[in-house]
Each structure stands twice: as structure tokens, then as C-alpha cells.
C-alpha atoms as a PDB file:
ATOM      1  CA  MET A   1     -19.605  -5.515  16.046  1.00  0.00           C
ATOM      2  CA  LEU A   2     -16.141  -6.722  14.744  1.00  0.00           C
ATOM      3  CA  ASP A   3     -12.906  -5.812  16.189  1.00  0.00           C
ATOM      4  CA  TYR A   4     -11.219  -2.832  14.604  1.00  0.00           C
ATOM      5  CA  ASP A   5      -8.041  -4.979  13.919  1.00  0.00           C
ATOM      6  CA  LEU A   6     -10.011  -6.326  10.779  1.00  0.00           C
ATOM      7  CA  LEU A   7     -10.130  -2.854   9.315  1.00  0.00           C
ATOM      8  CA  ARG A   8      -6.936  -1.201  10.250  1.00  0.00           C
ATOM      9  CA  ALA A   9      -5.805   1.746   8.079  1.00  0.00           C
ATOM     10  CA  ILE A  10      -3.030  -0.399   6.881  1.00  0.00           C
ATOM     11  CA  VAL A  11      -5.420  -2.384   4.745  1.00  0.00           C
ATOM     12  CA  TYR A  12      -6.035   0.869   2.786  1.00  0.00           C
ATOM     13  CA  ARG A  13      -2.335   1.640   2.753  1.00  0.00           C
ATOM     14  CA  VAL A  14      -1.641  -1.808   1.047  1.00  0.00           C
ATOM     15  CA  TYR A  15      -4.310  -1.290  -1.582  1.00  0.00           C
ATOM     16  CA  LEU A  16      -3.507   2.340  -2.249  1.00  0.00           C
ATOM     17  CA  THR A  17       0.267   1.625  -2.400  1.00  0.00           C
ATOM     18  CA  GLY A  18      -0.232  -1.308  -4.834  1.00  0.00           C
ATOM     19  CA  ILE A  19      -2.543   0.820  -7.065  1.00  0.00           C
ATOM     20  CA  HIS A  20      -0.181   3.806  -7.058  1.00  0.00           C
ATOM     21  CA  ALA A  21       2.895   1.683  -7.873  1.00  0.00           C
ATOM     22  CA  LEU A  22       1.139  -0.195 -10.677  1.00  0.00           C
ATOM     23  CA  ARG A  23      -0.121   2.974 -12.202  1.00  0.00           C
ATOM     24  CA  THR A  24       2.949   5.201 -11.789  1.00  0.00           C
ATOM     25  CA  GLY A  25       5.956   2.840 -11.086  1.00  0.00           C
ATOM     26  CA  GLU A  26       6.542   4.836  -7.943  1.00  0.00           C
ATOM     27  CA  ILE A  27       6.476   3.386  -4.334  1.00  0.00           C
ATOM     28  CA  GLU A  28       4.606   5.628  -1.909  1.00  0.00           C
ATOM     29  CA  SER A  29       3.403   4.088   1.276  1.00  0.00           C
ATOM     30  CA  SER A  30       2.404   7.219   3.371  1.00  0.00           C
ATOM     31  CA  LEU A  31      -1.392   6.828   3.607  1.00  0.00           C
ATOM     32  CA  PRO A  32      -1.973  10.589   3.961  1.00  0.00           C
ATOM     33  CA  ARG A  33      -0.017  11.272   0.657  1.00  0.00           C
ATOM     34  CA  LEU A  34      -1.874   8.380  -0.969  1.00  0.00           C
ATOM     35  CA  LEU A  35      -5.178   9.860  -0.026  1.00  0.00           C
ATOM     36  CA  ASP A  36      -4.161  13.143  -1.611  1.00  0.00           C
ATOM     37  CA  HIS A  37      -4.102  11.236  -4.968  1.00  0.00           C
ATOM     38  CA  HIS A  38      -7.027   8.877  -4.212  1.00  0.00           C
ATOM     39  CA  PRO A  39      -9.399  10.452  -1.582  1.00  0.00           C
ATOM     40  CA  LEU A  40     -11.611   7.836   0.279  1.00  0.00           C
ATOM     41  CA  GLU A  41     -14.336   8.832   2.697  1.00  0.00           C
ATOM     42  CA  GLY A  42     -13.890   7.430   6.211  1.00  0.00           C
ATOM     43  CA  VAL A  43     -10.227   6.830   6.031  1.00  0.00           C
ATOM     44  CA  GLU A  44      -9.117  10.028   7.611  1.00  0.00           C
ATOM     45  CA  GLU A  45     -11.290   9.131  10.513  1.00  0.00           C
ATOM     46  CA  LEU A  46      -9.473   5.738  10.924  1.00  0.00           C
ATOM     47  CA  ILE A  47      -6.092   7.510  10.840  1.00  0.00           C
ATOM     48  CA  GLU A  48      -7.450  10.027  13.578  1.00  0.00           C
ATOM     49  CA  ARG A  49      -8.675   7.028  15.786  1.00  0.00           C
ATOM     50  CA  LYS A  50      -5.178   5.482  15.500  1.00  0.00           C
ATOM     51  CA  LYS A  51      -3.513   8.709  16.508  1.00  0.00           C
ATOM     52  CA  ALA A  52      -5.871   9.069  19.428  1.00  0.00           C
ATOM     53  CA  GLY A  53      -4.947   5.518  20.539  1.00  0.00           C
ATOM     54  CA  ALA A  54      -8.564   4.150  19.746  1.00  0.00           C
ATOM     55  CA  GLU A  55      -7.385   1.796  17.076  1.00  0.00           C
ATOM     56  CA  LYS A  56      -8.441  -1.384  18.936  1.00  0.00           C
ATOM     57  CA  ASP A  57     -11.981  -0.013  19.462  1.00  0.00           C
ATOM     58  CA  ALA A  58     -14.829  -1.996  17.908  1.00  0.00           C
ATOM     59  CA  LEU A  59     -16.386  -0.138  14.887  1.00  0.00           C
ATOM     60  CA  PRO A  60     -20.324  -0.075  14.570  1.00  0.00           C
ATOM     61  CA  ASP A  61     -21.703  -2.427  12.036  1.00  0.00           C
ATOM     62  CA  ASP A  62     -22.717   0.150   9.648  1.00  0.00           C
ATOM     63  CA  GLU A  63     -19.084   1.588   9.474  1.00  0.00           C
ATOM     64  CA  ILE A  64     -17.817  -1.943   8.894  1.00  0.00           C
ATOM     65  CA  ALA A  65     -20.274  -2.344   6.000  1.00  0.00           C
ATOM     66  CA  SER A  66     -19.033   0.935   4.517  1.00  0.00           C
ATOM     67  CA  HIS A  67     -15.368  -0.004   4.816  1.00  0.00           C
ATOM     68  CA  ARG A  68     -15.892  -3.376   3.391  1.00  0.00           C
ATOM     69  CA  SER A  69     -17.643  -1.940   0.299  1.00  0.00           C
ATOM     70  CA  ARG A  70     -14.821   0.506  -0.161  1.00  0.00           C
ATOM     71  CA  LEU A  71     -12.155  -2.171   0.271  1.00  0.00           C
ATOM     72  CA  ASP A  72     -14.038  -4.313  -2.292  1.00  0.00           C
ATOM     73  CA  ALA A  73     -13.924  -1.585  -4.768  1.00  0.00           C
ATOM     74  CA  LEU A  74     -10.211  -0.996  -4.045  1.00  0.00           C
ATOM     75  CA  GLU A  75      -9.450  -4.604  -4.746  1.00  0.00           C
ATOM     76  CA  GLY A  76     -11.242  -4.258  -8.123  1.00  0.00           C
ATOM     77  CA  GLU A  77      -9.105  -1.125  -8.724  1.00  0.00           C
ATOM     78  CA  LEU A  78      -5.892  -2.982  -7.857  1.00  0.00           C
ATOM     79  CA  GLU A  79      -6.745  -5.805 -10.244  1.00  0.00           C
ATOM     80  CA  ALA A  80      -7.516  -3.256 -12.915  1.00  0.00           C
ATOM     81  CA  ALA A  81      -4.282  -1.289 -12.167  1.00  0.00           C
ATOM     82  CA  PHE A  82      -2.334  -4.697 -12.604  1.00  0.00           C
ATOM     83  CA  GLU A  83      -3.961  -5.532 -15.874  1.00  0.00           C
ATOM     84  CA  SER A  84      -3.183  -2.150 -17.354  1.00  0.00           C
ATOM     85  CA  SER A  85       0.167  -1.359 -15.552  1.00  0.00           C
ATOM     86  CA  PRO A  86       2.911  -0.008 -17.905  1.00  0.00           C
ATOM     87  CA  LEU A  87       5.417  -1.877 -15.658  1.00  0.00           C
ATOM     88  CA  PRO A  88       7.110  -4.813 -17.339  1.00  0.00           C
ATOM     89  CA  ALA A  89       5.764  -8.231 -16.412  1.00  0.00           C
ATOM     90  CA  LYS A  90       9.313  -9.470 -15.471  1.00  0.00           C
ATOM     91  CA  PRO A  91      12.189  -7.566 -14.065  1.00  0.00           C
ATOM     92  CA  THR A  92      14.358  -6.050 -16.664  1.00  0.00           C
ATOM     93  CA  SER A  93      17.271  -4.925 -14.586  1.00  0.00           C
ATOM     94  CA  PHE A  94      18.345  -8.264 -13.107  1.00  0.00           C
ATOM     95  CA  ASP A  95      21.678  -8.334 -14.823  1.00  0.00           C
ATOM     96  CA  ALA A  96      22.551  -4.686 -13.894  1.00  0.00           C
ATOM     97  CA  LEU A  97      21.571  -5.284 -10.267  1.00  0.00           C
ATOM     98  CA  ASP A  98      23.573  -8.455 -10.216  1.00  0.00           C
ATOM     99  CA  ASP A  99      26.645  -6.632 -11.573  1.00  0.00           C
ATOM    100  CA  PHE A 100      26.318  -3.851  -8.991  1.00  0.00           C
ATOM    101  CA  LEU A 101      26.061  -6.244  -6.236  1.00  0.00           C
ATOM    102  CA  VAL A 102      29.103  -8.204  -7.360  1.00  0.00           C
ATOM    103  CA  ARG A 103      31.041  -5.060  -7.631  1.00  0.00           C
ATOM    104  CA  ALA A 104      29.880  -3.774  -4.264  1.00  0.00           C
ATOM    105  CA  ARG A 105      30.801  -6.914  -2.592  1.00  0.00           C
ATOM    106  CA  LEU A 106      34.185  -7.137  -4.294  1.00  0.00           C
ATOM    107  CA  ALA A 107      34.751  -3.563  -3.195  1.00  0.00           C
ATOM    108  CA  LEU A 108      33.762  -4.151   0.427  1.00  0.00           C
ATOM    109  CA  GLY A 109      35.865  -7.387   0.507  1.00  0.00           C
ATOM    110  CA  SER A 110      38.977  -5.510  -0.657  1.00  0.00           C
ATOM    111  CA  ALA A 111      38.466  -2.724   1.955  1.00  0.00           C
ATOM    112  CA  ALA A 112      38.533  -5.135   4.722  1.00  0.00           C
END
């Protein structure tokens, strides 16, 4: 049996956050909320194990295989979300952000 560290719920959070961001342009990192949009069998159980303090317990081999299969599928979904994302390939607000930071720094400097 492999150590649970290899399959922490955070791996699901990373994939699902990326998929959600690429599809919607919104950052959502709450795994329970992400699961509302993208239900996955077995992930709620991982969350419950973590809440119960059993996150370091080893998982049986059959559960590991099941999670690996789901994670492989999520990797494919992440790649597909990237390819079809409505987000721009390059940042479009660099100049506006730079202007804001310069003005904020000047305002903070004059307040000191």
C-alpha cells in the first residue's frame, strides 16, 4: 500500500481549480464547492478522512488504483480546458495593472 500523502485531496483541488479557472475565468479553490460543479466519486471520503485526522493513513491498493484513474481523467480534462479556454493566451491588463501599482506606490509614498 502506498502512503496517503501521494493522493491527498489537494491533488484534486489543484486539478479542479485549474479546470474551473480555464472554463470560467474564476478562481475557486474550495474543494467542496468545486465538487458541487464537478462531482467525483471517492473525493468526499478523502475530505472526511482528513477532517477525522486520518489523512496520513495508507489507502488500500484498489482505492489507489481508482484515484489514479480519476486523476488521469482529470489531467485530460485540464488539458482540454486549456485548449478550449476563452481566456487570452497572454495577459491583457498589464499596462492597467502597472499604472495602478505606480499610482498606489506614489500615493503611499506621499502619505509617509
